[in-house]
């Protein structure tokens, strides 16, 4: 298919995935601190590390305080945490492409000043710069499609041995219908998307 006027857009889902991986790799550099702790302190650290992976706005005040206590003891972990979520905030709130470009450039400068190895993420940003900035023009995400793919994989695992395509589609639609009641319009839109896929491909099977 030739689409001369189309624009390549890098979905923020993939940017966030890479950012999380790099932040987690940096976090693992501080395992020596964990080894220095007693049993009860290690248990507390595990809880703090769970909160470490969550957005700041999703934390309760006592969880925020626990992280701040940890960052006082290991300041580098605080740097990793704040840089990760500052980058995420850009994708949440930058109003346009130009502002996103400025904020991301500033973020890269800050990340490099820490002398931590953020380069795998920075390289990904630089190599896909135009596609990433294109996201800020329309703010479209493949999140719903990624969710649908995950759901279909789960259905396929549960449906081992089913040979009828019609039965398989029915299982998928039943699952998506149930999710629509729980999660609302986004999944309802996915349900419509599944129906369209079925209509498109049904003639390919006998």
C-alpha atoms as a PDB file:
ATOM      1  CA  UNK A   1       0.000   0.000   0.000  1.00  0.00           C
ATOM      2  CA  UNK A   2       1.450   3.371  -1.071  1.00  0.00           C
ATOM      3  CA  UNK A   3       0.599   6.260   1.260  1.00  0.00           C
ATOM      4  CA  UNK A   4       2.711   9.229   0.102  1.00  0.00           C
ATOM      5  CA  UNK A   5       1.132  11.682   2.553  1.00  0.00           C
ATOM      6  CA  UNK A   6       1.334   9.451   5.613  1.00  0.00           C
ATOM      7  CA  UNK A   7       3.486  10.326   8.605  1.00  0.00           C
ATOM      8  CA  UNK A   8       5.400   7.892  10.758  1.00  0.00           C
ATOM      9  CA  UNK A   9       4.436   8.190  14.430  1.00  0.00           C
ATOM     10  CA  UNK A  10       6.272   6.462  17.271  1.00  0.00           C
ATOM     11  CA  UNK A  11       3.725   5.477  19.886  1.00  0.00           C
ATOM     12  CA  UNK A  12       4.394   6.652  23.435  1.00  0.00           C
ATOM     13  CA  UNK A  13       3.714   3.086  24.600  1.00  0.00           C
ATOM     14  CA  UNK A  14       7.049   1.999  23.112  1.00  0.00           C
ATOM     15  CA  UNK A  15       8.884   5.068  24.426  1.00  0.00           C
ATOM     16  CA  UNK A  16       7.574   4.397  27.945  1.00  0.00           C
ATOM     17  CA  UNK A  17       8.596   0.733  27.716  1.00  0.00           C
ATOM     18  CA  UNK A  18      12.196   1.630  26.836  1.00  0.00           C
ATOM     19  CA  UNK A  19      12.312   4.336  29.508  1.00  0.00           C
ATOM     20  CA  UNK A  20      11.116   1.872  32.146  1.00  0.00           C
ATOM     21  CA  UNK A  21      13.686  -0.730  31.083  1.00  0.00           C
ATOM     22  CA  UNK A  22      16.587   1.730  31.292  1.00  0.00           C
ATOM     23  CA  UNK A  23      15.430   3.121  34.652  1.00  0.00           C
ATOM     24  CA  UNK A  24      15.138  -0.426  35.991  1.00  0.00           C
ATOM     25  CA  UNK A  25      18.637  -1.306  34.777  1.00  0.00           C
ATOM     26  CA  UNK A  26      20.008   1.773  36.558  1.00  0.00           C
ATOM     27  CA  UNK A  27      18.131   0.842  39.722  1.00  0.00           C
ATOM     28  CA  UNK A  28      19.741  -2.606  39.727  1.00  0.00           C
ATOM     29  CA  UNK A  29      23.159  -0.963  40.085  1.00  0.00           C
ATOM     30  CA  UNK A  30      22.282  -0.353  43.735  1.00  0.00           C
ATOM     31  CA  UNK A  31      21.888  -3.981  44.771  1.00  0.00           C
ATOM     32  CA  UNK A  32      24.853  -3.557  47.120  1.00  0.00           C
ATOM     33  CA  UNK A  33      22.661  -1.322  49.261  1.00  0.00           C
ATOM     34  CA  UNK A  34      20.072  -4.105  49.484  1.00  0.00           C
ATOM     35  CA  UNK A  35      22.715  -6.624  50.538  1.00  0.00           C
ATOM     36  CA  UNK A  36      23.764  -4.331  53.382  1.00  0.00           C
ATOM     37  CA  UNK A  37      20.297  -4.412  54.952  1.00  0.00           C
ATOM     38  CA  UNK A  38      18.872  -6.654  57.661  1.00  0.00           C
ATOM     39  CA  UNK A  39      15.873  -8.918  57.021  1.00  0.00           C
ATOM     40  CA  UNK A  40      13.207  -6.437  58.136  1.00  0.00           C
ATOM     41  CA  UNK A  41      14.851  -3.564  56.266  1.00  0.00           C
ATOM     42  CA  UNK A  42      15.016  -5.676  53.107  1.00  0.00           C
ATOM     43  CA  UNK A  43      11.305  -6.370  53.380  1.00  0.00           C
ATOM     44  CA  UNK A  44      10.639  -2.641  53.630  1.00  0.00           C
ATOM     45  CA  UNK A  45      12.895  -2.001  50.630  1.00  0.00           C
ATOM     46  CA  UNK A  46      10.897  -4.462  48.501  1.00  0.00           C
ATOM     47  CA  UNK A  47       7.764  -2.458  49.251  1.00  0.00           C
ATOM     48  CA  UNK A  48       9.564   0.776  48.391  1.00  0.00           C
ATOM     49  CA  UNK A  49      10.788  -0.683  45.102  1.00  0.00           C
ATOM     50  CA  UNK A  50       7.213  -1.592  44.201  1.00  0.00           C
ATOM     51  CA  UNK A  51       6.235   2.045  44.736  1.00  0.00           C
ATOM     52  CA  UNK A  52       9.380   3.139  42.866  1.00  0.00           C
ATOM     53  CA  UNK A  53       7.822   1.824  39.642  1.00  0.00           C
ATOM     54  CA  UNK A  54       4.535   3.694  40.123  1.00  0.00           C
ATOM     55  CA  UNK A  55       3.596   7.193  39.016  1.00  0.00           C
ATOM     56  CA  UNK A  56       4.006   9.787  41.803  1.00  0.00           C
ATOM     57  CA  UNK A  57       0.351  10.825  41.509  1.00  0.00           C
ATOM     58  CA  UNK A  58      -0.735   7.225  42.162  1.00  0.00           C
ATOM     59  CA  UNK A  59       1.036   7.043  45.525  1.00  0.00           C
ATOM     60  CA  UNK A  60      -0.484   7.608  48.946  1.00  0.00           C
ATOM     61  CA  UNK A  61       1.177  10.198  51.225  1.00  0.00           C
ATOM     62  CA  UNK A  62       2.788   7.498  53.370  1.00  0.00           C
ATOM     63  CA  UNK A  63       4.224   5.832  50.247  1.00  0.00           C
ATOM     64  CA  UNK A  64       5.646   9.150  49.069  1.00  0.00           C
ATOM     65  CA  UNK A  65       7.245   9.644  52.479  1.00  0.00           C
ATOM     66  CA  UNK A  66       8.731   6.141  52.425  1.00  0.00           C
ATOM     67  CA  UNK A  67      10.326   6.850  49.045  1.00  0.00           C
ATOM     68  CA  UNK A  68      11.672  10.189  50.245  1.00  0.00           C
ATOM     69  CA  UNK A  69      13.244   8.401  53.214  1.00  0.00           C
ATOM     70  CA  UNK A  70      14.862   5.934  50.809  1.00  0.00           C
ATOM     71  CA  UNK A  71      16.146   8.726  48.551  1.00  0.00           C
ATOM     72  CA  UNK A  72      17.790  10.428  51.536  1.00  0.00           C
ATOM     73  CA  UNK A  73      19.785   7.239  52.097  1.00  0.00           C
ATOM     74  CA  UNK A  74      20.434   6.548  48.394  1.00  0.00           C
ATOM     75  CA  UNK A  75      20.173   9.899  46.527  1.00  0.00           C
ATOM     76  CA  UNK A  76      20.983   8.303  43.172  1.00  0.00           C
ATOM     77  CA  UNK A  77      17.757   6.291  43.337  1.00  0.00           C
ATOM     78  CA  UNK A  78      15.881   9.564  43.789  1.00  0.00           C
ATOM     79  CA  UNK A  79      17.587  10.952  40.696  1.00  0.00           C
ATOM     80  CA  UNK A  80      16.547   7.918  38.644  1.00  0.00           C
ATOM     81  CA  UNK A  81      12.980   8.109  39.922  1.00  0.00           C
ATOM     82  CA  UNK A  82      12.510  11.813  39.266  1.00  0.00           C
ATOM     83  CA  UNK A  83      14.103  11.725  35.815  1.00  0.00           C
ATOM     84  CA  UNK A  84      11.944   8.806  34.755  1.00  0.00           C
ATOM     85  CA  UNK A  85       8.707  10.499  35.731  1.00  0.00           C
ATOM     86  CA  UNK A  86       9.801  13.910  34.441  1.00  0.00           C
ATOM     87  CA  UNK A  87      10.173  12.302  31.016  1.00  0.00           C
ATOM     88  CA  UNK A  88       6.737  10.726  31.355  1.00  0.00           C
ATOM     89  CA  UNK A  89       5.252  14.089  32.336  1.00  0.00           C
ATOM     90  CA  UNK A  90       6.452  15.549  29.029  1.00  0.00           C
ATOM     91  CA  UNK A  91       4.363  13.001  27.136  1.00  0.00           C
ATOM     92  CA  UNK A  92       1.409  13.669  29.419  1.00  0.00           C
ATOM     93  CA  UNK A  93       1.365  17.438  29.228  1.00  0.00           C
ATOM     94  CA  UNK A  94       3.467  18.978  26.435  1.00  0.00           C
ATOM     95  CA  UNK A  95       0.901  21.045  24.453  1.00  0.00           C
ATOM     96  CA  UNK A  96       2.539  20.765  21.041  1.00  0.00           C
ATOM     97  CA  UNK A  97       5.451  19.433  19.029  1.00  0.00           C
ATOM     98  CA  UNK A  98       7.718  22.465  19.534  1.00  0.00           C
ATOM     99  CA  UNK A  99       7.308  22.495  23.308  1.00  0.00           C
ATOM    100  CA  UNK A 100       7.817  18.726  23.473  1.00  0.00           C
ATOM    101  CA  UNK A 101      11.051  19.082  21.501  1.00  0.00           C
ATOM    102  CA  UNK A 102      12.330  21.772  23.862  1.00  0.00           C
ATOM    103  CA  UNK A 103      11.394  19.805  26.988  1.00  0.00           C
ATOM    104  CA  UNK A 104      12.930  16.568  25.701  1.00  0.00           C
ATOM    105  CA  UNK A 105      16.169  18.361  24.791  1.00  0.00           C
ATOM    106  CA  UNK A 106      16.298  19.842  28.302  1.00  0.00           C
ATOM    107  CA  UNK A 107      15.618  16.409  29.778  1.00  0.00           C
ATOM    108  CA  UNK A 108      18.502  14.880  27.805  1.00  0.00           C
ATOM    109  CA  UNK A 109      20.871  17.541  29.156  1.00  0.00           C
ATOM    110  CA  UNK A 110      19.748  16.803  32.728  1.00  0.00           C
ATOM    111  CA  UNK A 111      20.077  13.045  32.231  1.00  0.00           C
ATOM    112  CA  UNK A 112      23.620  13.335  30.880  1.00  0.00           C
ATOM    113  CA  UNK A 113      24.646  15.632  33.724  1.00  0.00           C
ATOM    114  CA  UNK A 114      23.913  12.814  36.190  1.00  0.00           C
ATOM    115  CA  UNK A 115      26.672  10.726  34.562  1.00  0.00           C
ATOM    116  CA  UNK A 116      24.344   7.726  34.749  1.00  0.00           C
ATOM    117  CA  UNK A 117      23.891   5.495  31.723  1.00  0.00           C
ATOM    118  CA  UNK A 118      20.685   6.885  30.227  1.00  0.00           C
ATOM    119  CA  UNK A 119      22.251   6.581  26.763  1.00  0.00           C
ATOM    120  CA  UNK A 120      20.199   3.551  25.606  1.00  0.00           C
ATOM    121  CA  UNK A 121      17.042   5.621  26.081  1.00  0.00           C
ATOM    122  CA  UNK A 122      18.561   8.836  24.728  1.00  0.00           C
ATOM    123  CA  UNK A 123      19.799   6.980  21.640  1.00  0.00           C
ATOM    124  CA  UNK A 124      16.307   5.616  21.047  1.00  0.00           C
ATOM    125  CA  UNK A 125      14.904   9.154  21.319  1.00  0.00           C
ATOM    126  CA  UNK A 126      17.466  10.591  18.906  1.00  0.00           C
ATOM    127  CA  UNK A 127      17.106   7.778  16.374  1.00  0.00           C
ATOM    128  CA  UNK A 128      13.317   8.220  16.295  1.00  0.00           C
ATOM    129  CA  UNK A 129      13.128  11.958  16.985  1.00  0.00           C
ATOM    130  CA  UNK A 130      10.725  12.987  14.219  1.00  0.00           C
ATOM    131  CA  UNK A 131       8.399  10.044  14.775  1.00  0.00           C
ATOM    132  CA  UNK A 132       8.308  10.678  18.522  1.00  0.00           C
ATOM    133  CA  UNK A 133       7.569  14.388  18.064  1.00  0.00           C
ATOM    134  CA  UNK A 134       4.823  13.503  15.575  1.00  0.00           C
ATOM    135  CA  UNK A 135       2.935  11.935  18.489  1.00  0.00           C
ATOM    136  CA  UNK A 136       2.386  15.403  19.962  1.00  0.00           C
ATOM    137  CA  UNK A 137       0.501  16.557  16.861  1.00  0.00           C
ATOM    138  CA  UNK A 138      -2.394  14.092  17.123  1.00  0.00           C
ATOM    139  CA  UNK A 139      -1.709  12.303  20.444  1.00  0.00           C
ATOM    140  CA  UNK A 140      -2.960   9.016  19.070  1.00  0.00           C
ATOM    141  CA  UNK A 141      -1.891   5.845  20.850  1.00  0.00           C
ATOM    142  CA  UNK A 142      -1.906   2.178  19.902  1.00  0.00           C
ATOM    143  CA  UNK A 143      -2.674   1.324  23.536  1.00  0.00           C
ATOM    144  CA  UNK A 144      -6.171  -0.048  22.778  1.00  0.00           C
ATOM    145  CA  UNK A 145      -4.762  -2.220  19.977  1.00  0.00           C
ATOM    146  CA  UNK A 146      -1.953  -3.464  22.249  1.00  0.00           C
ATOM    147  CA  UNK A 147      -4.625  -4.351  24.800  1.00  0.00           C
ATOM    148  CA  UNK A 148      -6.629  -6.206  22.180  1.00  0.00           C
ATOM    149  CA  UNK A 149      -3.541  -8.155  21.087  1.00  0.00           C
ATOM    150  CA  UNK A 150      -2.887  -9.208  24.689  1.00  0.00           C
ATOM    151  CA  UNK A 151      -6.493 -10.297  25.170  1.00  0.00           C
ATOM    152  CA  UNK A 152      -6.465 -12.332  21.944  1.00  0.00           C
ATOM    153  CA  UNK A 153      -3.241 -14.097  23.000  1.00  0.00           C
ATOM    154  CA  UNK A 154      -4.869 -15.037  26.316  1.00  0.00           C
ATOM    155  CA  UNK A 155      -7.969 -16.346  24.499  1.00  0.00           C
ATOM    156  CA  UNK A 156      -5.790 -18.374  22.122  1.00  0.00           C
ATOM    157  CA  UNK A 157      -3.963 -20.008  25.044  1.00  0.00           C
ATOM    158  CA  UNK A 158      -7.272 -20.896  26.688  1.00  0.00           C
ATOM    159  CA  UNK A 159      -8.740 -22.135  23.402  1.00  0.00           C
ATOM    160  CA  UNK A 160      -6.122 -24.746  22.539  1.00  0.00           C
ATOM    161  CA  UNK A 161      -7.711 -27.402  20.338  1.00  0.00           C
ATOM    162  CA  UNK A 162     -10.523 -25.260  18.907  1.00  0.00           C
ATOM    163  CA  UNK A 163     -10.580 -25.775  15.134  1.00  0.00           C
ATOM    164  CA  UNK A 164     -13.559 -23.624  14.200  1.00  0.00           C
ATOM    165  CA  UNK A 165     -12.720 -20.020  13.295  1.00  0.00           C
ATOM    166  CA  UNK A 166     -16.306 -18.993  14.110  1.00  0.00           C
ATOM    167  CA  UNK A 167     -16.015 -20.449  17.607  1.00  0.00           C
ATOM    168  CA  UNK A 168     -12.698 -18.679  18.129  1.00  0.00           C
ATOM    169  CA  UNK A 169     -14.154 -15.319  17.056  1.00  0.00           C
ATOM    170  CA  UNK A 170     -17.086 -15.899  19.397  1.00  0.00           C
ATOM    171  CA  UNK A 171     -14.713 -16.493  22.319  1.00  0.00           C
ATOM    172  CA  UNK A 172     -12.826 -13.289  21.518  1.00  0.00           C
ATOM    173  CA  UNK A 173     -16.025 -11.251  21.219  1.00  0.00           C
ATOM    174  CA  UNK A 174     -17.384 -12.653  24.481  1.00  0.00           C
ATOM    175  CA  UNK A 175     -14.215 -11.601  26.302  1.00  0.00           C
ATOM    176  CA  UNK A 176     -14.204  -8.132  24.750  1.00  0.00           C
ATOM    177  CA  UNK A 177     -17.910  -7.678  25.532  1.00  0.00           C
ATOM    178  CA  UNK A 178     -17.242  -8.489  29.192  1.00  0.00           C
ATOM    179  CA  UNK A 179     -14.311  -6.076  29.315  1.00  0.00           C
ATOM    180  CA  UNK A 180     -16.445  -3.308  27.795  1.00  0.00           C
ATOM    181  CA  UNK A 181     -18.815  -3.466  30.765  1.00  0.00           C
ATOM    182  CA  UNK A 182     -15.883  -3.223  33.168  1.00  0.00           C
ATOM    183  CA  UNK A 183     -13.664  -0.689  31.407  1.00  0.00           C
ATOM    184  CA  UNK A 184     -16.030   1.449  29.341  1.00  0.00           C
ATOM    185  CA  UNK A 185     -15.830   3.111  25.913  1.00  0.00           C
ATOM    186  CA  UNK A 186     -12.225   2.289  25.047  1.00  0.00           C
ATOM    187  CA  UNK A 187     -12.867  -1.457  25.104  1.00  0.00           C
ATOM    188  CA  UNK A 188     -16.222  -0.920  23.412  1.00  0.00           C
ATOM    189  CA  UNK A 189     -14.311   0.695  20.560  1.00  0.00           C
ATOM    190  CA  UNK A 190     -11.995  -2.322  20.473  1.00  0.00           C
ATOM    191  CA  UNK A 191     -15.053  -4.566  20.170  1.00  0.00           C
ATOM    192  CA  UNK A 192     -16.104  -2.650  17.071  1.00  0.00           C
ATOM    193  CA  UNK A 193     -12.574  -2.986  15.741  1.00  0.00           C
ATOM    194  CA  UNK A 194     -12.678  -6.763  16.245  1.00  0.00           C
ATOM    195  CA  UNK A 195     -15.956  -6.944  14.331  1.00  0.00           C
ATOM    196  CA  UNK A 196     -14.381  -5.052  11.454  1.00  0.00           C
ATOM    197  CA  UNK A 197     -11.415  -7.437  11.406  1.00  0.00           C
ATOM    198  CA  UNK A 198     -13.747 -10.427  11.348  1.00  0.00           C
ATOM    199  CA  UNK A 199     -15.711  -9.037   8.394  1.00  0.00           C
ATOM    200  CA  UNK A 200     -12.509  -8.264   6.524  1.00  0.00           C
ATOM    201  CA  UNK A 201     -10.951 -11.712   6.945  1.00  0.00           C
ATOM    202  CA  UNK A 202     -13.992 -13.976   7.051  1.00  0.00           C
ATOM    203  CA  UNK A 203     -13.906 -14.434   3.278  1.00  0.00           C
ATOM    204  CA  UNK A 204     -10.351 -15.723   3.473  1.00  0.00           C
ATOM    205  CA  UNK A 205     -11.391 -18.873   5.367  1.00  0.00           C
ATOM    206  CA  UNK A 206     -13.523 -21.832   4.325  1.00  0.00           C
END
